[in-house]
Amino acid sequence: MTDPAIKALILTCTLSPSPKDSSSELIAQQVADKLATHGVQSETFRLVDFNVKPGVLKDMGPGDDWPMFRDKLLASDILVLASPIWVGHPSSVAQRVLERLDAELAETDDQGRPILFDKVGMVAVVGNEDGAHHVIAELSQGLAEVGFTIAGQGSTYWVGEAMHTTDYQDLEQTPEVTANATDIATRNVAHLAKLLRAQPFPAE
């Protein structure tokens, strides 16, 4: 019997609800496509289309859609956050994900380890202003704080010219540097997820 495939949950943290086009969703799909070349099965969701309530509990009560995403996360090996840059920071939707993940700090597995150990976090960022490194740093640190492992060069981004209106989705083709960063990041993230699947972090 073969081991189940490595799985990724990709959460697009755009502020634009469907069916509006989204640069964050575009880069999320590119990440999913590249992960597939490394044998990773991905599910992608635009969170603003769901009712993810504010809070720091696993379930914030009736109408809260986060428990569905939590179940998908616990069944996945990789979590990807794709966020735009707003006023130099991650979107409020991405911040909400980190806040909901805070509940997992109190959760442990049957060996007493943090429940998110052995999962890999990845960040993808788009924007037409500076701040990609800052957004990656904020989200990566938040993911690491709750137990995710971050791969070396395990993020990708595109930033357009400051004070201009061209978005990632407006480009005729993906810039080579961004495509290369996505290729490296997905390769390293998939590799790390496979290693952690084979040899999890020790309990002691």
Foldseek 3Di string as FASTA:
>chain_A
DDDDWAEEEEEEADPDDPPDDDLLVVVSVLLQVLLVVVRYHYDYDHPNNAAQDAAQACDPDPRHPNVVVVVVLLVHQEYEYRAEADPLEGDVSLVRVLSNLNNQLPPADPLRHRSNFLHAYEYEYWEQADRPVVHRVVSVVSCVVSHHDYFDLQYAYDYHHPPDDDTCVNDPDHDPVRSVSSNVNSVRNSVSSVVCVVPPDDSD
